[in-house]
Amino acid sequence: MKRSNLLLRLALIAVVTISLFLTWKIWTGNAQYQQATKSTDTEQIDSDTTRAEQELYLPTQIIVRNNTASWQVYNTHDNLPEDLHNCAETWSISQVSRAQNLSADTYLAKLNMPNSLTMNYTANINSTIFARIIPFARHAKRDFQFNRVQLSLTDKDEQINFFNDNDKTMYTAKLQKYHPQSVINLLKQVDIKIPMMQKWHGDELWTEYPQKIQLQPYAYLITQQMQTQYVSSLFNSKNPNDVDAREADNSTVYTLGTSKRLTLSHQNGLLVFNKFNTSSTHGLQNLLTRGEHSVAPIANPLTNLRYFAVDEQRHTVDYRCFVEGFPVFAPANRSLVQVTFSNSGEQLTFSNNVLQVPLPTQKNVVDLPTTATVLAKLQQVGVDAKQIQNIVLGYQWQNDDTSNQVVNLHPTYYVQINETWQAYQTILNKQMANEAGY
């Protein structure tokens, strides 16, 4: 059985590799053609930007609640956030209220409204950016921040609610042309429902799982795009001879005068693109808008790249790969794309290893403990609960033993301490090793 599964994998890898090569030939052929006219080049840029807008800022988590309980839901055969986006194209948001400042208990009670659906982000998003998902009426207020969007699933309520965990504020608005049954029909196709609850830990609202969980591991084919393709898309130079290439310290460095530089590390496959002589940026909306424009040249519809985090003080935006609504964490940040803006310019850091095509796997589902059990184990080995900034379910990127073109995604809990994410087993092992004197 294992032999047949391996042969199936190898055959599929071969077919997909040929397909990707042909796709690359089409892309490069199109790129040469697109450089023939300025108008065609502009159309390509607009297409890339539209793709980034539609995918980068989709919600990453969907929560459904009845009268008494909540579930995190997703569809293994389809993209539920994208389906909701398509469903919302005819809706319109109007009459946005002033911010309601709530206590922690009232905030959570409002968030747990019966018969509702909530779309969650892992970080705050601006209403102008969100308007690309559900449009706002022309005169509706747009300049506010939130990380949760709530819809009622009853016919009597055409209200949409916006929640901001950071300051415990809530906005309400009128939702026009909204028909709950269209959303309910999408939810009927959901095939995974995970019981969950939301709980305050200090000023942070965490998603906790009160029951043991079973999640499916995945295997993905990874691809590495040719360096010349990144040079072409990022430098956007009409004359390739203007770009200088040299080897330095186990890296290849491409430069275009003193304005642009791309460094590829041969050690870990990370690329760092610097664009100099650009100004810094301030404010969430500006950060997210410039972030998407920076990422658009390397965006790929199959990578499932989503907005993950923002630091307005450091002018940094993070985008991360997601699988089935859960973030992927990889060594050397291979699943992360980060954009940083400063007075000296902007820097884009990303990996040449891209999750591309899911592969068949016969691995059994993975049993995971409750969130409370994980937190208790961490405290037992000496982790101070106050040090934990967040805890999430995610997928751990593991290299496959049979092929360097395949990675295995193993479900587990990830814990954030000192702005760094680690698998909880890794933290447990380190703490126990320290106690043993290793």
Protein backbone atom coordinates (compact mmCIF):
# COMPACT_ATOMS: atom_id res chain seq x y z
CA MET A 1 0.00 0.00 0.00
CA LYS A 2 2.83 2.38 0.88
CA ARG A 3 4.60 1.49 -2.40
CA SER A 4 1.49 2.28 -4.48
CA ASN A 5 1.01 5.54 -2.60
CA LEU A 6 4.64 6.50 -3.27
CA LEU A 7 4.29 5.68 -6.97
CA LEU A 8 1.11 7.74 -7.11
CA ARG A 9 2.90 10.66 -5.50
CA LEU A 10 5.87 10.42 -7.88
CA ALA A 11 3.58 10.22 -10.89
CA LEU A 12 1.57 13.20 -9.73
CA ILE A 13 4.74 15.18 -9.02
CA ALA A 14 5.96 14.47 -12.55
CA VAL A 15 2.66 15.53 -14.11
CA VAL A 16 2.43 18.68 -12.01
CA THR A 17 6.07 19.57 -12.72
CA ILE A 18 5.44 19.36 -16.46
CA SER A 19 2.29 21.42 -16.03
CA LEU A 20 4.13 24.08 -14.03
CA PHE A 21 6.90 24.21 -16.64
CA LEU A 22 4.35 24.77 -19.39
CA THR A 23 2.64 27.40 -17.25
CA TRP A 24 5.98 29.14 -16.77
CA LYS A 25 6.58 29.10 -20.52
CA ILE A 26 3.18 30.68 -21.05
CA TRP A 27 3.87 33.31 -18.37
CA THR A 28 7.30 34.19 -19.72
CA GLY A 29 5.94 34.24 -23.24
CA ASN A 30 3.16 36.53 -22.14
CA ALA A 31 5.66 38.72 -20.30
CA GLN A 32 7.68 39.22 -23.48
CA TYR A 33 4.53 40.01 -25.39
CA GLN A 34 3.24 42.35 -22.69
CA GLN A 35 6.37 44.45 -22.86
CA ALA A 36 5.54 45.23 -26.49
CA THR A 37 3.03 47.92 -25.57
CA LYS A 38 2.62 50.20 -22.60
CA SER A 39 -1.14 49.67 -22.41
CA THR A 40 -0.82 45.88 -22.17
CA ASP A 41 1.77 46.27 -19.43
CA THR A 42 -0.64 48.47 -17.49
CA GLU A 43 -3.41 45.90 -17.83
CA GLN A 44 -1.12 43.23 -16.34
CA ILE A 45 -0.30 45.43 -13.33
CA ASP A 46 -4.01 46.11 -12.77
CA SER A 47 -4.75 42.38 -12.97
CA ASP A 48 -2.08 41.57 -10.39
CA THR A 49 -3.36 44.27 -8.05
CA THR A 50 -6.94 43.04 -8.32
CA ARG A 51 -5.86 39.51 -7.52
CA ALA A 52 -3.92 40.69 -4.46
CA GLU A 53 -6.85 42.80 -3.24
CA GLN A 54 -9.29 39.93 -3.53
CA GLU A 55 -7.17 37.27 -1.84
CA LEU A 56 -4.72 38.90 0.56
CA TYR A 57 -7.39 40.54 2.71
CA LEU A 58 -10.02 37.82 2.88
CA PRO A 59 -10.96 36.76 6.46
CA THR A 60 -9.03 33.75 7.70
CA GLN A 61 -11.48 32.27 10.20
CA ILE A 62 -15.25 31.69 10.02
CA ILE A 63 -17.23 31.19 13.25
CA VAL A 64 -20.87 30.08 13.38
CA ARG A 65 -22.97 30.27 16.54
CA ASN A 66 -26.41 28.93 17.43
CA ASN A 67 -28.21 29.78 20.67
CA THR A 68 -25.65 28.21 22.99
CA ALA A 69 -22.44 27.12 21.22
CA SER A 70 -19.89 28.19 18.60
CA TRP A 71 -17.95 26.31 15.92
CA GLN A 72 -15.06 27.15 13.66
CA VAL A 73 -16.14 25.92 10.23
CA TYR A 74 -14.59 25.32 6.83
CA ASN A 75 -15.16 23.38 3.65
CA THR A 76 -12.37 21.02 2.57
CA HIS A 77 -13.69 21.04 -1.00
CA ASP A 78 -14.06 24.77 -1.45
CA ASN A 79 -12.85 28.15 -0.16
CA LEU A 80 -15.53 29.35 2.26
CA PRO A 81 -14.17 32.94 2.75
CA GLU A 82 -13.97 33.36 -1.02
CA ASP A 83 -17.49 31.97 -1.43
CA LEU A 84 -18.75 34.48 1.15
CA HIS A 85 -16.94 37.24 -0.73
CA ASN A 86 -18.69 36.24 -3.95
CA CYS A 87 -22.00 36.07 -2.13
CA ALA A 88 -21.49 39.60 -0.75
CA GLU A 89 -20.85 41.31 -4.09
CA THR A 90 -24.43 42.61 -4.27
CA TRP A 91 -24.63 43.75 -0.63
CA SER A 92 -24.04 47.30 0.53
CA ILE A 93 -23.12 48.75 3.94
CA SER A 94 -24.72 52.03 5.03
CA GLN A 95 -25.54 54.08 8.13
CA VAL A 96 -22.46 53.18 10.15
CA SER A 97 -22.90 54.06 13.83
CA ARG A 98 -20.48 55.77 16.14
CA ALA A 99 -18.13 53.53 18.08
CA GLN A 100 -19.62 51.90 21.16
CA ASN A 101 -17.04 51.48 23.93
CA LEU A 102 -17.85 48.26 25.77
CA SER A 103 -16.69 46.45 28.88
CA ALA A 104 -14.89 43.13 28.36
CA ASP A 105 -17.97 41.14 29.42
CA THR A 106 -20.38 43.13 27.25
CA TYR A 107 -18.02 42.95 24.29
CA LEU A 108 -17.87 39.16 24.54
CA ALA A 109 -21.64 38.91 25.00
CA LYS A 110 -22.22 40.95 21.84
CA LEU A 111 -19.73 38.81 19.97
CA ASN A 112 -21.61 35.68 21.06
CA MET A 113 -24.87 36.83 19.48
CA PRO A 114 -27.10 33.78 18.81
CA ASN A 115 -27.66 32.64 15.23
CA SER A 116 -24.74 34.55 13.79
CA LEU A 117 -21.72 34.16 11.55
CA THR A 118 -18.46 35.95 12.36
CA MET A 119 -15.57 36.49 9.97
CA ASN A 120 -12.30 36.95 11.85
CA TYR A 121 -8.94 38.47 10.99
CA THR A 122 -5.71 37.78 12.85
CA ALA A 123 -4.99 41.55 12.95
CA ASN A 124 -6.89 44.79 12.53
CA ILE A 125 -8.08 45.77 9.06
CA ASN A 126 -9.26 49.17 7.84
CA SER A 127 -12.84 49.65 6.65
CA THR A 128 -11.68 51.06 3.31
CA ILE A 129 -9.73 47.87 2.63
CA PHE A 130 -12.68 45.73 3.76
CA ALA A 131 -14.98 47.62 1.37
CA ARG A 132 -13.46 45.54 -1.42
CA ILE A 133 -15.17 42.50 0.13
CA ILE A 134 -18.50 44.09 1.10
CA PRO A 135 -18.91 47.50 -0.58
CA PHE A 136 -19.93 50.56 1.42
CA ALA A 137 -22.58 52.99 0.25
CA ARG A 138 -21.14 56.23 -1.14
CA HIS A 139 -21.74 58.35 1.96
CA ALA A 140 -21.18 55.66 4.59
CA LYS A 141 -18.39 56.13 7.12
CA ARG A 142 -15.30 54.13 6.17
CA ASP A 143 -12.39 55.26 8.32
CA PHE A 144 -12.42 52.82 11.23
CA GLN A 145 -10.58 49.65 12.27
CA PHE A 146 -11.77 46.21 13.34
CA ASN A 147 -10.76 42.54 13.29
CA ARG A 148 -14.17 40.81 13.43
CA VAL A 149 -17.26 41.16 11.23
CA GLN A 150 -20.58 39.68 12.37
CA LEU A 151 -23.69 38.83 10.34
CA SER A 152 -27.05 37.72 11.66
CA LEU A 153 -28.44 34.52 10.17
CA THR A 154 -32.06 35.46 10.86
CA ASP A 155 -34.39 37.11 8.34
CA LYS A 156 -35.43 39.81 10.80
CA ASP A 157 -31.98 41.36 11.20
CA GLU A 158 -30.20 43.19 8.38
CA GLN A 159 -27.50 44.57 10.66
CA ILE A 160 -23.76 44.05 10.34
CA ASN A 161 -21.45 44.48 13.35
CA PHE A 162 -17.75 45.33 13.44
CA PHE A 163 -15.60 44.51 16.49
CA ASN A 164 -12.16 45.79 17.48
CA ASP A 165 -10.50 43.67 20.17
CA ASN A 166 -7.76 46.25 20.80
CA ASP A 167 -10.04 48.90 22.31
CA LYS A 168 -13.22 46.81 22.78
CA THR A 169 -15.25 48.97 20.43
CA MET A 170 -18.19 47.93 18.28
CA TYR A 171 -19.70 49.57 15.20
CA THR A 172 -23.09 48.68 13.75
CA ALA A 173 -24.36 49.38 10.25
CA LYS A 174 -27.26 48.70 7.94
CA LEU A 175 -26.68 45.85 5.48
CA GLN A 176 -28.66 46.36 2.29
CA LYS A 177 -29.64 43.62 -0.18
CA TYR A 178 -28.57 41.01 2.36
CA HIS A 179 -30.36 37.67 2.24
CA PRO A 180 -29.34 35.34 5.11
CA GLN A 181 -30.53 32.27 3.22
CA SER A 182 -27.71 32.69 0.69
CA VAL A 183 -25.18 32.45 3.53
CA ILE A 184 -27.06 29.58 5.17
CA ASN A 185 -26.91 27.68 1.87
CA LEU A 186 -23.12 28.04 1.86
CA LEU A 187 -22.93 26.80 5.45
CA LYS A 188 -24.87 23.68 4.49
CA GLN A 189 -21.82 22.66 2.42
CA VAL A 190 -19.46 22.90 5.42
CA ASP A 191 -17.91 19.52 6.23
CA ILE A 192 -15.70 20.47 9.22
CA LYS A 193 -17.10 21.96 12.45
CA ILE A 194 -14.75 22.41 15.41
CA PRO A 195 -16.27 23.42 18.77
CA MET A 196 -14.61 26.59 20.03
CA MET A 197 -15.02 29.48 22.44
CA GLN A 198 -13.51 32.91 22.87
CA LYS A 199 -11.94 33.90 26.15
CA TRP A 200 -10.16 36.98 27.46
CA HIS A 201 -6.55 36.60 28.59
CA GLY A 202 -5.66 40.01 29.90
CA ASP A 203 -6.48 42.39 27.04
CA GLU A 204 -6.21 39.68 24.37
CA LEU A 205 -9.19 37.67 23.13
CA TRP A 206 -8.11 34.13 22.25
CA THR A 207 -9.81 31.37 20.33
CA GLU A 208 -9.87 28.29 22.56
CA TYR A 209 -10.92 24.73 21.80
CA PRO A 210 -12.69 23.14 24.80
CA GLN A 211 -12.78 19.65 23.29
CA LYS A 212 -10.10 17.38 21.85
CA ILE A 213 -9.60 17.99 18.14
CA GLN A 214 -8.88 15.81 15.15
CA LEU A 215 -7.25 17.52 12.17
CA GLN A 216 -6.12 16.09 8.87
CA PRO A 217 -2.42 16.37 7.97
CA TYR A 218 -1.57 17.42 4.41
CA ALA A 219 1.22 16.99 1.89
CA TYR A 220 2.04 19.67 -0.67
CA LEU A 221 4.22 19.88 -3.71
CA ILE A 222 6.53 22.87 -3.44
CA THR A 223 7.95 24.76 -6.39
CA GLN A 224 10.85 27.12 -6.82
CA GLN A 225 10.41 29.80 -9.42
CA MET A 226 13.35 30.79 -11.57
CA GLN A 227 15.36 33.74 -10.30
CA THR A 228 14.96 35.51 -13.62
CA GLN A 229 11.19 35.57 -13.12
CA TYR A 230 11.54 37.44 -9.83
CA VAL A 231 14.04 39.81 -11.43
CA SER A 232 11.61 40.49 -14.27
CA SER A 233 8.57 41.07 -12.03
CA LEU A 234 10.29 43.07 -9.28
CA PHE A 235 12.74 45.20 -11.27
CA ASN A 236 10.31 45.90 -14.12
CA SER A 237 13.20 46.97 -16.33
CA LYS A 238 12.66 47.22 -20.08
CA ASN A 239 16.31 46.36 -20.68
CA PRO A 240 17.52 43.19 -18.86
CA ASN A 241 21.12 44.32 -19.41
CA ASP A 242 20.54 47.13 -16.92
CA VAL A 243 20.36 44.55 -14.10
CA ASP A 244 23.73 43.51 -12.67
CA ALA A 245 24.19 40.03 -11.10
CA ARG A 246 27.03 38.83 -8.87
CA GLU A 247 27.77 36.10 -6.32
CA ALA A 248 28.56 37.08 -2.74
CA ASP A 249 28.64 35.07 0.52
CA ASN A 250 26.60 32.09 -0.68
CA SER A 251 24.07 34.46 -2.25
CA THR A 252 23.23 35.89 -5.63
CA VAL A 253 22.75 39.66 -5.65
CA TYR A 254 20.90 41.50 -8.42
CA THR A 255 21.03 45.30 -8.59
CA LEU A 256 19.49 47.97 -10.77
CA GLY A 257 21.68 51.01 -10.28
CA THR A 258 21.25 52.31 -6.75
CA SER A 259 17.46 52.06 -6.69
CA LYS A 260 16.73 48.32 -6.39
CA ARG A 261 18.46 45.20 -5.04
CA LEU A 262 17.39 41.54 -4.85
CA THR A 263 19.39 39.09 -2.72
CA LEU A 264 18.80 35.33 -2.96
CA SER A 265 20.24 33.16 -0.20
CA HIS A 266 21.34 29.75 -1.51
CA GLN A 267 21.38 28.48 2.08
CA ASN A 268 17.70 28.86 3.00
CA GLY A 269 16.01 30.00 -0.23
CA LEU A 270 14.96 33.36 1.22
CA LEU A 271 14.85 36.42 -1.02
CA VAL A 272 15.17 40.02 0.14
CA PHE A 273 14.12 42.77 -2.25
CA ASN A 274 15.04 46.37 -1.40
CA LYS A 275 13.59 49.38 -3.14
CA PHE A 276 15.45 52.51 -2.13
CA ASN A 277 14.47 56.17 -2.36
CA THR A 278 10.87 55.49 -1.34
CA SER A 279 9.29 57.18 1.65
CA SER A 280 8.05 55.57 4.84
CA THR A 281 4.31 55.23 5.41
CA HIS A 282 2.02 55.84 8.36
CA GLY A 283 -1.44 54.64 9.31
CA LEU A 284 -3.06 51.24 8.93
CA GLN A 285 -4.80 51.92 5.62
CA ASN A 286 -1.60 53.20 3.99
CA LEU A 287 0.39 50.25 5.32
CA LEU A 288 -2.08 47.69 4.00
CA THR A 289 -2.45 49.43 0.64
CA ARG A 290 1.28 49.74 0.05
CA GLY A 291 1.80 46.23 1.40
CA GLU A 292 -0.47 44.68 -1.22
CA HIS A 293 1.22 46.65 -4.01
CA SER A 294 4.61 45.37 -2.83
CA VAL A 295 3.41 41.76 -2.67
CA ALA A 296 1.45 41.80 -5.96
CA PRO A 297 4.48 41.10 -8.23
CA ILE A 298 5.17 37.81 -6.41
CA ALA A 299 1.55 36.89 -5.59
CA ASN A 300 0.38 33.49 -6.77
CA PRO A 301 -3.30 32.47 -6.56
CA LEU A 302 -2.36 28.96 -5.43
CA THR A 303 -0.24 29.98 -2.43
CA ASN A 304 -3.21 30.86 -0.17
CA LEU A 305 -1.36 33.92 1.09
CA ARG A 306 -3.35 35.97 3.61
CA TYR A 307 -2.89 39.07 5.73
CA PHE A 308 -1.58 37.91 9.12
CA ALA A 309 -0.10 40.74 11.22
CA VAL A 310 0.77 44.43 11.23
CA ASP A 311 3.06 46.58 13.36
CA GLU A 312 2.27 50.26 12.89
CA GLN A 313 5.24 51.31 15.04
CA ARG A 314 7.74 49.36 12.93
CA HIS A 315 5.81 49.95 9.68
CA THR A 316 5.69 46.21 8.96
CA VAL A 317 2.99 44.03 7.37
CA ASP A 318 3.10 40.20 7.46
CA TYR A 319 1.34 37.84 5.06
CA ARG A 320 1.29 34.10 5.72
CA CYS A 321 0.19 30.93 3.91
CA PHE A 322 -3.05 29.42 5.20
CA VAL A 323 -4.44 25.90 4.75
CA GLU A 324 -8.09 25.17 5.62
CA GLY A 325 -8.28 28.39 7.62
CA PHE A 326 -5.17 27.66 9.72
CA PRO A 327 -1.79 29.45 9.43
CA VAL A 328 1.28 27.56 8.22
CA PHE A 329 4.54 27.98 10.16
CA ALA A 330 7.81 26.97 8.52
CA PRO A 331 11.55 26.97 9.33
CA ALA A 332 13.31 30.15 8.21
CA ASN A 333 9.88 31.76 7.75
CA ARG A 334 9.34 30.01 4.42
CA SER A 335 5.58 30.45 4.74
CA LEU A 336 5.83 34.18 5.51
CA VAL A 337 6.02 37.28 3.31
CA GLN A 338 7.01 40.44 5.16
CA VAL A 339 7.01 44.05 3.95
CA THR A 340 8.81 46.76 5.91
CA PHE A 341 8.75 50.48 5.14
CA SER A 342 11.32 52.99 6.39
CA ASN A 343 12.79 56.37 5.50
CA SER A 344 15.46 54.62 3.42
CA GLY A 345 12.95 52.64 1.35
CA GLU A 346 10.96 49.41 1.50
CA GLN A 347 12.04 45.81 2.01
CA LEU A 348 10.20 42.68 0.87
CA THR A 349 11.28 39.35 2.38
CA PHE A 350 9.88 36.08 1.03
CA SER A 351 10.78 32.48 0.24
CA ASN A 352 11.48 30.77 -3.05
CA ASN A 353 9.79 27.63 -1.68
CA VAL A 354 6.10 27.94 -2.54
CA LEU A 355 3.28 25.60 -1.51
CA GLN A 356 1.70 24.78 -4.83
CA VAL A 357 -0.37 21.61 -5.18
CA PRO A 358 -1.88 19.34 -2.48
CA LEU A 359 -0.87 15.69 -2.82
CA PRO A 360 -2.78 12.55 -1.78
CA THR A 361 -1.84 11.32 1.67
CA GLN A 362 -2.92 8.28 3.67
CA LYS A 363 -1.81 9.62 7.02
CA ASN A 364 -4.32 9.33 9.83
CA VAL A 365 -5.91 12.34 11.43
CA VAL A 366 -3.91 13.91 14.25
CA ASP A 367 -5.41 14.04 17.75
CA LEU A 368 -4.82 17.34 19.52
CA PRO A 369 -5.56 18.19 23.16
CA THR A 370 -7.79 21.01 24.35
CA THR A 371 -6.33 24.51 24.55
CA ALA A 372 -6.58 24.41 28.35
CA THR A 373 -4.52 21.20 28.42
CA VAL A 374 -1.77 22.77 26.31
CA LEU A 375 -1.63 25.86 28.51
CA ALA A 376 -1.48 23.69 31.63
CA LYS A 377 1.42 21.64 30.20
CA LEU A 378 3.33 24.83 29.38
CA GLN A 379 2.89 26.12 32.91
CA GLN A 380 3.99 22.77 34.35
CA VAL A 381 7.39 23.12 32.66
CA GLY A 382 7.85 26.68 33.89
CA VAL A 383 6.36 28.88 31.17
CA ASP A 384 4.87 32.00 32.75
CA ALA A 385 1.28 32.41 31.55
CA LYS A 386 1.83 36.18 31.36
CA GLN A 387 4.55 35.64 28.75
CA ILE A 388 2.15 33.96 26.33
CA GLN A 389 0.83 36.54 23.87
CA ASN A 390 -1.37 34.19 21.88
CA ILE A 391 -2.03 30.55 21.04
CA VAL A 392 -3.48 29.26 17.76
CA LEU A 393 -4.02 26.08 15.83
CA GLY A 394 -1.72 25.88 12.84
CA TYR A 395 0.22 23.65 10.50
CA GLN A 396 3.90 22.84 10.98
CA TRP A 397 5.97 22.68 7.78
CA GLN A 398 8.02 19.45 7.76
CA ASN A 399 10.31 18.27 4.97
CA ASP A 400 9.30 14.97 3.39
CA ASP A 401 11.71 12.01 3.64
CA THR A 402 10.92 10.72 0.15
CA SER A 403 11.24 13.89 -1.93
CA ASN A 404 12.72 17.37 -1.56
CA GLN A 405 9.83 18.63 -3.69
CA VAL A 406 7.27 17.65 -1.05
CA VAL A 407 6.52 19.07 2.39
CA ASN A 408 4.22 17.61 5.03
CA LEU A 409 1.93 19.89 6.99
CA HIS A 410 1.38 18.59 10.52
CA PRO A 411 -1.39 20.16 12.65
CA THR A 412 -0.43 21.41 16.09
CA TYR A 413 -0.75 24.34 18.49
CA TYR A 414 1.52 27.35 18.02
CA VAL A 415 2.35 29.69 20.88
CA GLN A 416 3.54 33.30 20.60
CA ILE A 417 6.11 34.43 23.18
CA ASN A 418 8.23 37.59 22.75
CA GLU A 419 6.75 38.12 19.26
CA THR A 420 8.01 34.68 18.15
CA TRP A 421 5.81 31.73 17.16
CA GLN A 422 6.85 28.21 18.18
CA ALA A 423 5.13 24.82 18.18
CA TYR A 424 4.07 24.05 21.73
CA GLN A 425 5.95 20.71 21.68
CA THR A 426 9.14 22.60 20.83
CA ILE A 427 8.68 24.84 23.86
CA LEU A 428 7.96 21.84 26.09
CA ASN A 429 11.08 20.02 24.87
CA LYS A 430 13.30 23.08 25.39
CA GLN A 431 11.99 23.68 28.89
CA MET A 432 12.42 20.03 29.88
CA ALA A 433 15.94 19.97 28.39
CA ASN A 434 16.87 23.06 30.40
CA GLU A 435 15.55 21.47 33.58
CA ALA A 436 17.57 18.33 32.86
CA GLY A 437 20.71 20.42 32.35
CA TYR A 438 21.20 19.64 28.66
